[in-house]
């Protein structure tokens, strides 16, 4: 089973983009505190697709706290002939926790969102992934 649950704060504003086939995706990273390490933080890259991506890009910004569920996706790439491995969380469900700022710009946030129509690896070509 490949299941991940994380709670942290966005380290930058989410970046919403589209594939060549018009599917939206959103890249962002979160800072997650290490439980037993004083001042320890892990920075975790995340990718959301379609409706989840749209929701994150519309309602979240740098510093906002998020609870998410998903799965780990690994990939490989080369830099100067050296093979490297990347790890991303493919987000399937999110929950709003709190914003770091004072004002939510007058919109009401839904408390949670689950995208049951999340694309699976079998449905996406390698060309669909921008990374």
C-alpha atoms as a PDB file:
ATOM      1  CA  UNK A   1       0.000   0.000   0.000  1.00  0.00           C
ATOM      2  CA  UNK A   2       1.294   3.473  -0.923  1.00  0.00           C
ATOM      3  CA  UNK A   3      -0.401   6.005   1.376  1.00  0.00           C
ATOM      4  CA  UNK A   4       0.906   9.261   2.839  1.00  0.00           C
ATOM      5  CA  UNK A   5      -0.685  11.736   5.236  1.00  0.00           C
ATOM      6  CA  UNK A   6       1.089  15.048   5.915  1.00  0.00           C
ATOM      7  CA  UNK A   7       0.418  18.307   7.722  1.00  0.00           C
ATOM      8  CA  UNK A   8       2.540  21.356   7.072  1.00  0.00           C
ATOM      9  CA  UNK A   9       2.764  24.881   5.678  1.00  0.00           C
ATOM     10  CA  UNK A  10       3.198  25.834   2.038  1.00  0.00           C
ATOM     11  CA  UNK A  11       6.717  27.108   1.388  1.00  0.00           C
ATOM     12  CA  UNK A  12       5.704  29.049  -1.730  1.00  0.00           C
ATOM     13  CA  UNK A  13       2.578  29.959  -3.661  1.00  0.00           C
ATOM     14  CA  UNK A  14       1.196  27.017  -5.675  1.00  0.00           C
ATOM     15  CA  UNK A  15       2.003  26.997  -9.405  1.00  0.00           C
ATOM     16  CA  UNK A  16      -0.975  26.040 -11.594  1.00  0.00           C
ATOM     17  CA  UNK A  17      -0.113  24.828 -15.112  1.00  0.00           C
ATOM     18  CA  UNK A  18      -1.632  22.680 -17.842  1.00  0.00           C
ATOM     19  CA  UNK A  19      -0.339  19.711 -19.793  1.00  0.00           C
ATOM     20  CA  UNK A  20      -0.385  19.750 -23.591  1.00  0.00           C
ATOM     21  CA  UNK A  21      -3.670  17.801 -23.362  1.00  0.00           C
ATOM     22  CA  UNK A  22      -5.243  20.523 -21.195  1.00  0.00           C
ATOM     23  CA  UNK A  23      -5.143  18.736 -17.817  1.00  0.00           C
ATOM     24  CA  UNK A  24      -4.401  21.122 -14.970  1.00  0.00           C
ATOM     25  CA  UNK A  25      -1.786  20.340 -12.365  1.00  0.00           C
ATOM     26  CA  UNK A  26      -0.377  22.257  -9.442  1.00  0.00           C
ATOM     27  CA  UNK A  27       3.116  22.009  -7.951  1.00  0.00           C
ATOM     28  CA  UNK A  28       3.898  23.196  -4.434  1.00  0.00           C
ATOM     29  CA  UNK A  29       5.991  22.205  -1.454  1.00  0.00           C
ATOM     30  CA  UNK A  30       5.238  22.021   2.237  1.00  0.00           C
ATOM     31  CA  UNK A  31       7.414  22.286   5.323  1.00  0.00           C
ATOM     32  CA  UNK A  32       6.703  19.497   7.805  1.00  0.00           C
ATOM     33  CA  UNK A  33       8.204  19.559  11.290  1.00  0.00           C
ATOM     34  CA  UNK A  34      10.307  16.597  12.344  1.00  0.00           C
ATOM     35  CA  UNK A  35       8.734  15.165  15.451  1.00  0.00           C
ATOM     36  CA  UNK A  36      11.840  14.378  17.491  1.00  0.00           C
ATOM     37  CA  UNK A  37      14.368  16.856  16.086  1.00  0.00           C
ATOM     38  CA  UNK A  38      14.497  20.340  17.559  1.00  0.00           C
ATOM     39  CA  UNK A  39      13.965  22.881  14.772  1.00  0.00           C
ATOM     40  CA  UNK A  40      14.015  20.030  12.237  1.00  0.00           C
ATOM     41  CA  UNK A  41      11.942  20.426   9.084  1.00  0.00           C
ATOM     42  CA  UNK A  42      11.424  18.309   5.980  1.00  0.00           C
ATOM     43  CA  UNK A  43      10.562  20.069   2.719  1.00  0.00           C
ATOM     44  CA  UNK A  44       8.275  17.894   0.637  1.00  0.00           C
ATOM     45  CA  UNK A  45       7.353  18.437  -3.010  1.00  0.00           C
ATOM     46  CA  UNK A  46       3.728  17.842  -3.928  1.00  0.00           C
ATOM     47  CA  UNK A  47       1.708  17.628  -7.139  1.00  0.00           C
ATOM     48  CA  UNK A  48      -2.076  17.829  -7.417  1.00  0.00           C
ATOM     49  CA  UNK A  49      -4.086  17.180 -10.570  1.00  0.00           C
ATOM     50  CA  UNK A  50      -7.287  18.555 -12.092  1.00  0.00           C
ATOM     51  CA  UNK A  51      -9.950  19.723  -9.593  1.00  0.00           C
ATOM     52  CA  UNK A  52      -7.646  19.307  -6.604  1.00  0.00           C
ATOM     53  CA  UNK A  53      -5.018  21.419  -8.381  1.00  0.00           C
ATOM     54  CA  UNK A  54      -7.559  24.138  -9.166  1.00  0.00           C
ATOM     55  CA  UNK A  55      -8.756  24.216  -5.566  1.00  0.00           C
ATOM     56  CA  UNK A  56      -5.251  24.464  -4.112  1.00  0.00           C
ATOM     57  CA  UNK A  57      -4.190  27.216  -6.504  1.00  0.00           C
ATOM     58  CA  UNK A  58      -7.360  29.232  -5.754  1.00  0.00           C
ATOM     59  CA  UNK A  59      -7.432  28.947  -1.955  1.00  0.00           C
ATOM     60  CA  UNK A  60      -3.870  28.394  -0.725  1.00  0.00           C
ATOM     61  CA  UNK A  61      -0.810  30.615  -0.632  1.00  0.00           C
ATOM     62  CA  UNK A  62       2.636  30.623   0.941  1.00  0.00           C
ATOM     63  CA  UNK A  63       2.436  30.116   4.716  1.00  0.00           C
ATOM     64  CA  UNK A  64      -1.006  28.480   4.756  1.00  0.00           C
ATOM     65  CA  UNK A  65      -1.340  25.277   6.744  1.00  0.00           C
ATOM     66  CA  UNK A  66      -2.647  22.217   4.910  1.00  0.00           C
ATOM     67  CA  UNK A  67      -3.474  18.611   5.729  1.00  0.00           C
ATOM     68  CA  UNK A  68      -3.138  16.319   2.744  1.00  0.00           C
ATOM     69  CA  UNK A  69      -3.326  12.693   1.765  1.00  0.00           C
ATOM     70  CA  UNK A  70      -1.830  11.024  -1.259  1.00  0.00           C
ATOM     71  CA  UNK A  71       0.829   8.642  -2.464  1.00  0.00           C
ATOM     72  CA  UNK A  72       4.571   8.791  -3.066  1.00  0.00           C
ATOM     73  CA  UNK A  73       5.675   8.986  -6.686  1.00  0.00           C
ATOM     74  CA  UNK A  74       9.326   8.391  -7.562  1.00  0.00           C
ATOM     75  CA  UNK A  75      11.113   9.351 -10.742  1.00  0.00           C
ATOM     76  CA  UNK A  76      14.624   9.540 -12.130  1.00  0.00           C
ATOM     77  CA  UNK A  77      16.426  12.218 -14.099  1.00  0.00           C
ATOM     78  CA  UNK A  78      19.986  13.093 -15.093  1.00  0.00           C
ATOM     79  CA  UNK A  79      22.093  16.118 -14.220  1.00  0.00           C
ATOM     80  CA  UNK A  80      25.489  16.310 -15.930  1.00  0.00           C
ATOM     81  CA  UNK A  81      25.357  12.576 -16.633  1.00  0.00           C
ATOM     82  CA  UNK A  82      24.592  11.720 -13.003  1.00  0.00           C
ATOM     83  CA  UNK A  83      21.351   9.838 -12.350  1.00  0.00           C
ATOM     84  CA  UNK A  84      19.188  11.257  -9.561  1.00  0.00           C
ATOM     85  CA  UNK A  85      15.936  10.217  -7.942  1.00  0.00           C
ATOM     86  CA  UNK A  86      13.031  12.531  -7.217  1.00  0.00           C
ATOM     87  CA  UNK A  87      10.170  12.055  -4.776  1.00  0.00           C
ATOM     88  CA  UNK A  88       6.804  13.813  -5.014  1.00  0.00           C
ATOM     89  CA  UNK A  89       3.543  13.357  -3.179  1.00  0.00           C
ATOM     90  CA  UNK A  90       0.628  12.958  -5.597  1.00  0.00           C
ATOM     91  CA  UNK A  91      -2.178  14.632  -3.645  1.00  0.00           C
ATOM     92  CA  UNK A  92      -5.612  12.990  -3.601  1.00  0.00           C
ATOM     93  CA  UNK A  93      -7.312  14.749  -0.668  1.00  0.00           C
ATOM     94  CA  UNK A  94      -6.821  18.015   1.214  1.00  0.00           C
ATOM     95  CA  UNK A  95      -8.183  19.757   4.285  1.00  0.00           C
ATOM     96  CA  UNK A  96      -8.005  23.431   5.142  1.00  0.00           C
ATOM     97  CA  UNK A  97      -6.516  24.115   8.559  1.00  0.00           C
ATOM     98  CA  UNK A  98      -5.616  27.785   8.921  1.00  0.00           C
ATOM     99  CA  UNK A  99      -4.002  30.614   7.044  1.00  0.00           C
ATOM    100  CA  UNK A 100      -0.923  32.395   8.282  1.00  0.00           C
ATOM    101  CA  UNK A 101      -2.239  35.829   7.227  1.00  0.00           C
ATOM    102  CA  UNK A 102      -5.045  37.789   8.792  1.00  0.00           C
ATOM    103  CA  UNK A 103      -7.576  37.912   5.967  1.00  0.00           C
ATOM    104  CA  UNK A 104      -9.025  35.213   3.729  1.00  0.00           C
ATOM    105  CA  UNK A 105      -9.974  37.816   1.074  1.00  0.00           C
ATOM    106  CA  UNK A 106     -13.677  37.407   1.733  1.00  0.00           C
ATOM    107  CA  UNK A 107     -14.054  33.857   0.443  1.00  0.00           C
ATOM    108  CA  UNK A 108     -15.280  30.913   2.419  1.00  0.00           C
ATOM    109  CA  UNK A 109     -13.024  27.886   2.324  1.00  0.00           C
ATOM    110  CA  UNK A 110     -14.503  24.407   2.146  1.00  0.00           C
ATOM    111  CA  UNK A 111     -13.257  22.348   5.089  1.00  0.00           C
ATOM    112  CA  UNK A 112     -12.059  19.405   3.003  1.00  0.00           C
ATOM    113  CA  UNK A 113     -11.938  18.116  -0.546  1.00  0.00           C
ATOM    114  CA  UNK A 114     -11.426  14.684  -2.012  1.00  0.00           C
ATOM    115  CA  UNK A 115     -10.934  14.076  -5.707  1.00  0.00           C
ATOM    116  CA  UNK A 116     -12.198  10.590  -6.433  1.00  0.00           C
ATOM    117  CA  UNK A 117     -11.624  11.179 -10.151  1.00  0.00           C
ATOM    118  CA  UNK A 118      -7.872  11.472  -9.636  1.00  0.00           C
ATOM    119  CA  UNK A 119      -5.902  10.286 -12.661  1.00  0.00           C
ATOM    120  CA  UNK A 120      -4.079   7.001 -12.194  1.00  0.00           C
ATOM    121  CA  UNK A 121      -0.693   6.085 -13.613  1.00  0.00           C
ATOM    122  CA  UNK A 122      -2.396   3.805 -16.159  1.00  0.00           C
ATOM    123  CA  UNK A 123      -4.467   6.710 -17.505  1.00  0.00           C
ATOM    124  CA  UNK A 124      -1.545   9.100 -18.031  1.00  0.00           C
ATOM    125  CA  UNK A 125       1.213   8.874 -20.605  1.00  0.00           C
ATOM    126  CA  UNK A 126       4.761   9.704 -19.576  1.00  0.00           C
ATOM    127  CA  UNK A 127       4.410  12.734 -21.864  1.00  0.00           C
ATOM    128  CA  UNK A 128       1.720  14.071 -19.498  1.00  0.00           C
ATOM    129  CA  UNK A 129       4.213  14.569 -16.679  1.00  0.00           C
ATOM    130  CA  UNK A 130       6.099  17.850 -16.871  1.00  0.00           C
ATOM    131  CA  UNK A 131       8.874  16.568 -14.602  1.00  0.00           C
END
